[in-house]
Amino acid sequence: MEALAVVDLSASLVPLTIRHADLDLSWSVLDVLEDWTTPSFHDDRGGPMETKTLKVRVTGPLPGRPSKIGEFSMIVRR
């Protein structure tokens, strides 16, 4: 499932927290498991762009069970 999120970054552009854009849910990033950039062929502002993708391990409300707290991995794209 995809959702819009606000990602708080460190000075070195590493995600620190991820907040759901519509719901009152947030997760703390424990570790970056994967970090890659892929070419995207969508025109944005008049030219092709690259998509930054991160797989992170987080702690916070569990997907589908927001009343429970735990750890899981999620993908963040920008």
PDB file of N, CA and C in Angstrom:
ATOM      1  N   MET A   1       0.834  -1.162   0.000  1.00  0.00           N
ATOM      2  CA  MET A   1       0.000   0.000   0.000  1.00  0.00           C
ATOM      3  C   MET A   1       0.889   1.239   0.000  1.00  0.00           C
ATOM      4  N   GLU A   2       0.537   2.221  -0.797  1.00  0.00           N
ATOM      5  CA  GLU A   2       1.298   3.473  -0.843  1.00  0.00           C
ATOM      6  C   GLU A   2       0.522   4.571  -0.145  1.00  0.00           C
ATOM      7  N   ALA A   3       1.271   5.495   0.466  1.00  0.00           N
ATOM      8  CA  ALA A   3       0.662   6.648   1.130  1.00  0.00           C
ATOM      9  C   ALA A   3       1.646   7.804   1.074  1.00  0.00           C
ATOM     10  N   LEU A   4       1.125   9.013   1.049  1.00  0.00           N
ATOM     11  CA  LEU A   4       1.984  10.191   1.115  1.00  0.00           C
ATOM     12  C   LEU A   4       2.524  10.330   2.526  1.00  0.00           C
ATOM     13  N   ALA A   5       3.789  10.734   2.613  1.00  0.00           N
ATOM     14  CA  ALA A   5       4.426  10.878   3.913  1.00  0.00           C
ATOM     15  C   ALA A   5       5.357  12.080   3.915  1.00  0.00           C
ATOM     16  N   VAL A   6       5.636  12.561   5.100  1.00  0.00           N
ATOM     17  CA  VAL A   6       6.626  13.618   5.305  1.00  0.00           C
ATOM     18  C   VAL A   6       7.828  12.945   5.955  1.00  0.00           C
ATOM     19  N   VAL A   7       8.993  13.122   5.348  1.00  0.00           N
ATOM     20  CA  VAL A   7      10.211  12.480   5.855  1.00  0.00           C
ATOM     21  C   VAL A   7      11.129  13.557   6.408  1.00  0.00           C
ATOM     22  N   ASP A   8      11.466  13.436   7.685  1.00  0.00           N
ATOM     23  CA  ASP A   8      12.428  14.346   8.306  1.00  0.00           C
ATOM     24  C   ASP A   8      13.823  13.763   8.088  1.00  0.00           C
ATOM     25  N   LEU A   9      14.721  14.589   7.525  1.00  0.00           N
ATOM     26  CA  LEU A   9      16.061  14.130   7.163  1.00  0.00           C
ATOM     27  C   LEU A   9      17.115  14.721   8.087  1.00  0.00           C
ATOM     28  N   SER A  10      18.205  13.981   8.254  1.00  0.00           N
ATOM     29  CA  SER A  10      19.370  14.498   8.973  1.00  0.00           C
ATOM     30  C   SER A  10      20.142  15.434   8.055  1.00  0.00           C
ATOM     31  N   ALA A  11      21.188  16.046   8.566  1.00  0.00           N
ATOM     32  CA  ALA A  11      22.025  16.943   7.758  1.00  0.00           C
ATOM     33  C   ALA A  11      22.661  16.199   6.575  1.00  0.00           C
ATOM     34  N   SER A  12      22.880  14.894   6.723  1.00  0.00           N
ATOM     35  CA  SER A  12      23.463  14.103   5.638  1.00  0.00           C
ATOM     36  C   SER A  12      22.391  13.426   4.779  1.00  0.00           C
ATOM     37  N   LEU A  13      21.133  13.918   4.884  1.00  0.00           N
ATOM     38  CA  LEU A  13      19.992  13.461   4.085  1.00  0.00           C
ATOM     39  C   LEU A  13      19.586  12.014   4.359  1.00  0.00           C
ATOM     40  N   VAL A  14      19.848  11.536   5.564  1.00  0.00           N
ATOM     41  CA  VAL A  14      19.400  10.213   5.996  1.00  0.00           C
ATOM     42  C   VAL A  14      18.058  10.395   6.709  1.00  0.00           C
ATOM     43  N   PRO A  15      17.050   9.579   6.395  1.00  0.00           N
ATOM     44  CA  PRO A  15      15.759   9.726   7.062  1.00  0.00           C
ATOM     45  C   PRO A  15      15.859   9.462   8.573  1.00  0.00           C
ATOM     46  N   LEU A  16      15.217  10.329   9.349  1.00  0.00           N
ATOM     47  CA  LEU A  16      15.179  10.177  10.804  1.00  0.00           C
ATOM     48  C   LEU A  16      13.801   9.726  11.273  1.00  0.00           C
ATOM     49  N   THR A  17      12.774  10.382  10.766  1.00  0.00           N
ATOM     50  CA  THR A  17      11.391  10.025  11.083  1.00  0.00           C
ATOM     51  C   THR A  17      10.551  10.108   9.813  1.00  0.00           C
ATOM     52  N   ILE A  18       9.497   9.319   9.798  1.00  0.00           N
ATOM     53  CA  ILE A  18       8.556   9.308   8.691  1.00  0.00           C
ATOM     54  C   ILE A  18       7.171   9.508   9.294  1.00  0.00           C
ATOM     55  N   ARG A  19       6.442  10.504   8.774  1.00  0.00           N
ATOM     56  CA  ARG A  19       5.102  10.811   9.282  1.00  0.00           C
ATOM     57  C   ARG A  19       4.081  10.664   8.166  1.00  0.00           C
ATOM     58  N   HIS A  20       3.026   9.924   8.423  1.00  0.00           N
ATOM     59  CA  HIS A  20       1.943   9.760   7.454  1.00  0.00           C
ATOM     60  C   HIS A  20       1.331  11.129   7.200  1.00  0.00           C
ATOM     61  N   ALA A  21       1.079  11.476   5.940  1.00  0.00           N
ATOM     62  CA  ALA A  21       0.593  12.807   5.595  1.00  0.00           C
ATOM     63  C   ALA A  21      -0.843  13.059   6.038  1.00  0.00           C
ATOM     64  N   ASP A  22      -1.668  12.027   6.114  1.00  0.00           N
ATOM     65  CA  ASP A  22      -3.077  12.206   6.441  1.00  0.00           C
ATOM     66  C   ASP A  22      -3.465  11.702   7.830  1.00  0.00           C
ATOM     67  N   LEU A  23      -2.801  10.677   8.300  1.00  0.00           N
ATOM     68  CA  LEU A  23      -3.135  10.082   9.593  1.00  0.00           C
ATOM     69  C   LEU A  23      -2.133  10.524  10.650  1.00  0.00           C
ATOM     70  N   ASP A  24      -2.520  10.448  11.886  1.00  0.00           N
ATOM     71  CA  ASP A  24      -1.632  10.825  12.991  1.00  0.00           C
ATOM     72  C   ASP A  24      -0.737   9.638  13.352  1.00  0.00           C
ATOM     73  N   LEU A  25       0.126   9.242  12.416  1.00  0.00           N
ATOM     74  CA  LEU A  25       1.042   8.116  12.599  1.00  0.00           C
ATOM     75  C   LEU A  25       2.451   8.564  12.259  1.00  0.00           C
ATOM     76  N   SER A  26       3.427   8.132  13.052  1.00  0.00           N
ATOM     77  CA  SER A  26       4.826   8.428  12.726  1.00  0.00           C
ATOM     78  C   SER A  26       5.700   7.262  13.156  1.00  0.00           C
ATOM     79  N   TRP A  27       6.827   7.135  12.465  1.00  0.00           N
ATOM     80  CA  TRP A  27       7.762   6.052  12.707  1.00  0.00           C
ATOM     81  C   TRP A  27       9.171   6.617  12.850  1.00  0.00           C
ATOM     82  N   SER A  28       9.944   6.047  13.731  1.00  0.00           N
ATOM     83  CA  SER A  28      11.362   6.407  13.876  1.00  0.00           C
ATOM     84  C   SER A  28      12.182   5.442  13.045  1.00  0.00           C
ATOM     85  N   VAL A  29      13.104   5.981  12.262  1.00  0.00           N
ATOM     86  CA  VAL A  29      13.962   5.142  11.415  1.00  0.00           C
ATOM     87  C   VAL A  29      15.098   4.596  12.263  1.00  0.00           C
ATOM     88  N   LEU A  30      15.231   3.279  12.288  1.00  0.00           N
ATOM     89  CA  LEU A  30      16.286   2.614  13.041  1.00  0.00           C
ATOM     90  C   LEU A  30      17.523   2.367  12.196  1.00  0.00           C
ATOM     91  N   ASP A  31      17.306   2.082  10.903  1.00  0.00           N
ATOM     92  CA  ASP A  31      18.422   1.710  10.043  1.00  0.00           C
ATOM     93  C   ASP A  31      18.000   1.844   8.579  1.00  0.00           C
ATOM     94  N   VAL A  32      18.933   2.225   7.724  1.00  0.00           N
ATOM     95  CA  VAL A  32      18.705   2.217   6.278  1.00  0.00           C
ATOM     96  C   VAL A  32      19.236   0.879   5.770  1.00  0.00           C
ATOM     97  N   LEU A  33      18.344   0.050   5.255  1.00  0.00           N
ATOM     98  CA  LEU A  33      18.715  -1.289   4.798  1.00  0.00           C
ATOM     99  C   LEU A  33      19.213  -1.282   3.357  1.00  0.00           C
ATOM    100  N   GLU A  34      18.593  -0.463   2.512  1.00  0.00           N
ATOM    101  CA  GLU A  34      18.996  -0.338   1.113  1.00  0.00           C
ATOM    102  C   GLU A  34      18.813   1.106   0.687  1.00  0.00           C
ATOM    103  N   ASP A  35      19.652   1.549  -0.245  1.00  0.00           N
ATOM    104  CA  ASP A  35      19.606   2.924  -0.736  1.00  0.00           C
ATOM    105  C   ASP A  35      20.002   2.884  -2.202  1.00  0.00           C
ATOM    106  N   TRP A  36      19.071   3.217  -3.092  1.00  0.00           N
ATOM    107  CA  TRP A  36      19.413   3.201  -4.507  1.00  0.00           C
ATOM    108  C   TRP A  36      18.662   4.299  -5.253  1.00  0.00           C
ATOM    109  N   THR A  37      19.188   4.653  -6.402  1.00  0.00           N
ATOM    110  CA  THR A  37      18.582   5.659  -7.274  1.00  0.00           C
ATOM    111  C   THR A  37      18.333   5.004  -8.621  1.00  0.00           C
ATOM    112  N   THR A  38      17.125   5.193  -9.144  1.00  0.00           N
ATOM    113  CA  THR A  38      16.786   4.611 -10.436  1.00  0.00           C
ATOM    114  C   THR A  38      16.322   5.697 -11.383  1.00  0.00           C
ATOM    115  N   PRO A  39      16.625   5.569 -12.671  1.00  0.00           N
ATOM    116  CA  PRO A  39      16.124   6.563 -13.622  1.00  0.00           C
ATOM    117  C   PRO A  39      14.612   6.438 -13.754  1.00  0.00           C
ATOM    118  N   SER A  40      13.961   7.549 -13.812  1.00  0.00           N
ATOM    119  CA  SER A  40      12.517   7.586 -14.023  1.00  0.00           C
ATOM    120  C   SER A  40      12.267   8.376 -15.295  1.00  0.00           C
ATOM    121  N   PHE A  41      11.413   7.897 -16.134  1.00  0.00           N
ATOM    122  CA  PHE A  41      11.215   8.529 -17.428  1.00  0.00           C
ATOM    123  C   PHE A  41      10.012   9.459 -17.436  1.00  0.00           C
ATOM    124  N   HIS A  42       9.621   9.925 -16.284  1.00  0.00           N
ATOM    125  CA  HIS A  42       8.526  10.890 -16.192  1.00  0.00           C
ATOM    126  C   HIS A  42       9.101  12.278 -16.367  1.00  0.00           C
ATOM    127  N   ASP A  43       8.409  13.110 -17.136  1.00  0.00           N
ATOM    128  CA  ASP A  43       8.843  14.494 -17.287  1.00  0.00           C
ATOM    129  C   ASP A  43       8.349  15.311 -16.104  1.00  0.00           C
ATOM    130  N   ASP A  44       9.252  15.911 -15.417  1.00  0.00           N
ATOM    131  CA  ASP A  44       8.933  16.766 -14.289  1.00  0.00           C
ATOM    132  C   ASP A  44       9.763  18.025 -14.447  1.00  0.00           C
ATOM    133  N   ARG A  45       9.103  19.138 -14.551  1.00  0.00           N
ATOM    134  CA  ARG A  45       9.795  20.408 -14.752  1.00  0.00           C
ATOM    135  C   ARG A  45      10.607  20.397 -16.042  1.00  0.00           C
ATOM    136  N   GLY A  46      10.088  19.727 -17.059  1.00  0.00           N
ATOM    137  CA  GLY A  46      10.690  19.803 -18.378  1.00  0.00           C
ATOM    138  C   GLY A  46      11.785  18.796 -18.672  1.00  0.00           C
ATOM    139  N   GLY A  47      12.039  17.829 -17.803  1.00  0.00           N
ATOM    140  CA  GLY A  47      13.093  16.872 -18.107  1.00  0.00           C
ATOM    141  C   GLY A  47      12.952  15.591 -17.311  1.00  0.00           C
ATOM    142  N   PRO A  48      13.714  14.571 -17.686  1.00  0.00           N
ATOM    143  CA  PRO A  48      13.652  13.315 -16.939  1.00  0.00           C
ATOM    144  C   PRO A  48      14.233  13.507 -15.537  1.00  0.00           C
ATOM    145  N   MET A  49      13.821  12.657 -14.639  1.00  0.00           N
ATOM    146  CA  MET A  49      14.306  12.761 -13.270  1.00  0.00           C
ATOM    147  C   MET A  49      14.689  11.385 -12.756  1.00  0.00           C
ATOM    148  N   GLU A  50      15.357  11.344 -11.636  1.00  0.00           N
ATOM    149  CA  GLU A  50      15.706  10.088 -10.999  1.00  0.00           C
ATOM    150  C   GLU A  50      14.858   9.921  -9.751  1.00  0.00           C
ATOM    151  N   THR A  51      14.564   8.678  -9.426  1.00  0.00           N
ATOM    152  CA  THR A  51      13.792   8.367  -8.241  1.00  0.00           C
ATOM    153  C   THR A  51      14.725   7.790  -7.182  1.00  0.00           C
ATOM    154  N   LYS A  52      14.738   8.408  -6.029  1.00  0.00           N
ATOM    155  CA  LYS A  52      15.539   7.923  -4.897  1.00  0.00           C
ATOM    156  C   LYS A  52      14.660   6.971  -4.105  1.00  0.00           C
ATOM    157  N   THR A  53      15.149   5.772  -3.836  1.00  0.00           N
ATOM    158  CA  THR A  53      14.401   4.768  -3.110  1.00  0.00           C
ATOM    159  C   THR A  53      15.224   4.275  -1.934  1.00  0.00           C
ATOM    160  N   LEU A  54      14.575   4.206  -0.785  1.00  0.00           N
ATOM    161  CA  LEU A  54      15.234   3.724   0.428  1.00  0.00           C
ATOM    162  C   LEU A  54      14.380   2.633   1.051  1.00  0.00           C
ATOM    163  N   LYS A  55      15.008   1.573   1.481  1.00  0.00           N
ATOM    164  CA  LYS A  55      14.330   0.578   2.301  1.00  0.00           C
ATOM    165  C   LYS A  55      14.863   0.794   3.709  1.00  0.00           C
ATOM    166  N   VAL A  56      13.957   1.094   4.640  1.00  0.00           N
ATOM    167  CA  VAL A  56      14.364   1.434   5.999  1.00  0.00           C
ATOM    168  C   VAL A  56      13.672   0.512   7.004  1.00  0.00           C
ATOM    169  N   ARG A  57      14.340   0.297   8.120  1.00  0.00           N
ATOM    170  CA  ARG A  57      13.756  -0.430   9.254  1.00  0.00           C
ATOM    171  C   ARG A  57      13.260   0.624  10.223  1.00  0.00           C
ATOM    172  N   VAL A  58      11.994   0.537  10.601  1.00  0.00           N
ATOM    173  CA  VAL A  58      11.381   1.555  11.444  1.00  0.00           C
ATOM    174  C   VAL A  58      10.740   0.912  12.673  1.00  0.00           C
ATOM    175  N   THR A  59      10.449   1.760  13.656  1.00  0.00           N
ATOM    176  CA  THR A  59       9.653   1.345  14.805  1.00  0.00           C
ATOM    177  C   THR A  59       8.502   2.320  14.946  1.00  0.00           C
ATOM    178  N   GLY A  60       7.341   1.780  15.279  1.00  0.00           N
ATOM    179  CA  GLY A  60       6.149   2.604  15.429  1.00  0.00           C
ATOM    180  C   GLY A  60       4.909   1.769  15.195  1.00  0.00           C
ATOM    181  N   PRO A  61       3.779   2.413  14.883  1.00  0.00           N
ATOM    182  CA  PRO A  61       2.523   1.691  14.668  1.00  0.00           C
ATOM    183  C   PRO A  61       2.656   0.680  13.529  1.00  0.00           C
ATOM    184  N   LEU A  62       2.149  -0.523  13.759  1.00  0.00           N
ATOM    185  CA  LEU A  62       2.241  -1.569  12.746  1.00  0.00           C
ATOM    186  C   LEU A  62       1.198  -1.363  11.650  1.00  0.00           C
ATOM    187  N   PRO A  63       1.546  -1.692  10.399  1.00  0.00           N
ATOM    188  CA  PRO A  63       0.585  -1.567   9.298  1.00  0.00           C
ATOM    189  C   PRO A  63      -0.635  -2.457   9.558  1.00  0.00           C
ATOM    190  N   GLY A  64      -1.815  -1.890   9.412  1.00  0.00           N
ATOM    191  CA  GLY A  64      -3.039  -2.648   9.623  1.00  0.00           C
ATOM    192  C   GLY A  64      -3.411  -2.837  11.079  1.00  0.00           C
ATOM    193  N   ARG A  65      -2.492  -2.522  11.984  1.00  0.00           N
ATOM    194  CA  ARG A  65      -2.738  -2.640  13.430  1.00  0.00           C
ATOM    195  C   ARG A  65      -2.093  -1.449  14.138  1.00  0.00           C
ATOM    196  N   PRO A  66      -2.545  -0.233  13.866  1.00  0.00           N
ATOM    197  CA  PRO A  66      -1.878   0.958  14.398  1.00  0.00           C
ATOM    198  C   PRO A  66      -1.896   1.073  15.919  1.00  0.00           C
ATOM    199  N   SER A  67      -2.724   0.279  16.584  1.00  0.00           N
ATOM    200  CA  SER A  67      -2.722   0.316  18.054  1.00  0.00           C
ATOM    201  C   SER A  67      -1.555  -0.484  18.638  1.00  0.00           C
ATOM    202  N   LYS A  68      -0.903  -1.273  17.825  1.00  0.00           N
ATOM    203  CA  LYS A  68       0.258  -2.070  18.249  1.00  0.00           C
ATOM    204  C   LYS A  68       1.535  -1.420  17.758  1.00  0.00           C
ATOM    205  N   ILE A  69       2.557  -1.416  18.576  1.00  0.00           N
ATOM    206  CA  ILE A  69       3.866  -0.848  18.235  1.00  0.00           C
ATOM    207  C   ILE A  69       4.840  -1.990  17.962  1.00  0.00           C
ATOM    208  N   GLY A  70       5.652  -1.834  16.924  1.00  0.00           N
ATOM    209  CA  GLY A  70       6.631  -2.853  16.593  1.00  0.00           C
ATOM    210  C   GLY A  70       7.625  -2.346  15.568  1.00  0.00           C
ATOM    211  N   GLU A  71       8.446  -3.262  15.066  1.00  0.00           N
ATOM    212  CA  GLU A  71       9.444  -2.939  14.050  1.00  0.00           C
ATOM    213  C   GLU A  71       9.066  -3.632  12.748  1.00  0.00           C
ATOM    214  N   PHE A  72       9.318  -2.943  11.633  1.00  0.00           N
ATOM    215  CA  PHE A  72       9.116  -3.512  10.312  1.00  0.00           C
ATOM    216  C   PHE A  72       9.904  -2.687   9.309  1.00  0.00           C
ATOM    217  N   SER A  73       9.961  -3.144   8.070  1.00  0.00           N
ATOM    218  CA  SER A  73      10.663  -2.376   7.040  1.00  0.00           C
ATOM    219  C   SER A  73       9.647  -1.740   6.110  1.00  0.00           C
ATOM    220  N   MET A  74      10.013  -0.567   5.585  1.00  0.00           N
ATOM    221  CA  MET A  74       9.156   0.114   4.623  1.00  0.00           C
ATOM    222  C   MET A  74      10.027   0.712   3.534  1.00  0.00           C
ATOM    223  N   ILE A  75       9.423   0.963   2.387  1.00  0.00           N
ATOM    224  CA  ILE A  75      10.091   1.567   1.247  1.00  0.00           C
ATOM    225  C   ILE A  75       9.666   3.043   1.184  1.00  0.00           C
ATOM    226  N   VAL A  76      10.633   3.929   1.001  1.00  0.00           N
ATOM    227  CA  VAL A  76      10.374   5.345   0.847  1.00  0.00           C
ATOM    228  C   VAL A  76      10.898   5.769  -0.518  1.00  0.00           C
ATOM    229  N   ARG A  77      10.031   6.403  -1.333  1.00  0.00           N
ATOM    230  CA  ARG A  77      10.449   6.878  -2.645  1.00  0.00           C
ATOM    231  C   ARG A  77      10.236   8.388  -2.725  1.00  0.00           C
ATOM    232  N   ARG A  78      11.168   9.055  -3.417  1.00  0.00           N
ATOM    233  CA  ARG A  78      10.962  10.482  -3.686  1.00  0.00           C
ATOM    234  C   ARG A  78      11.471  10.812  -5.062  1.00  0.00           C
TER     235      ARG A  78
END
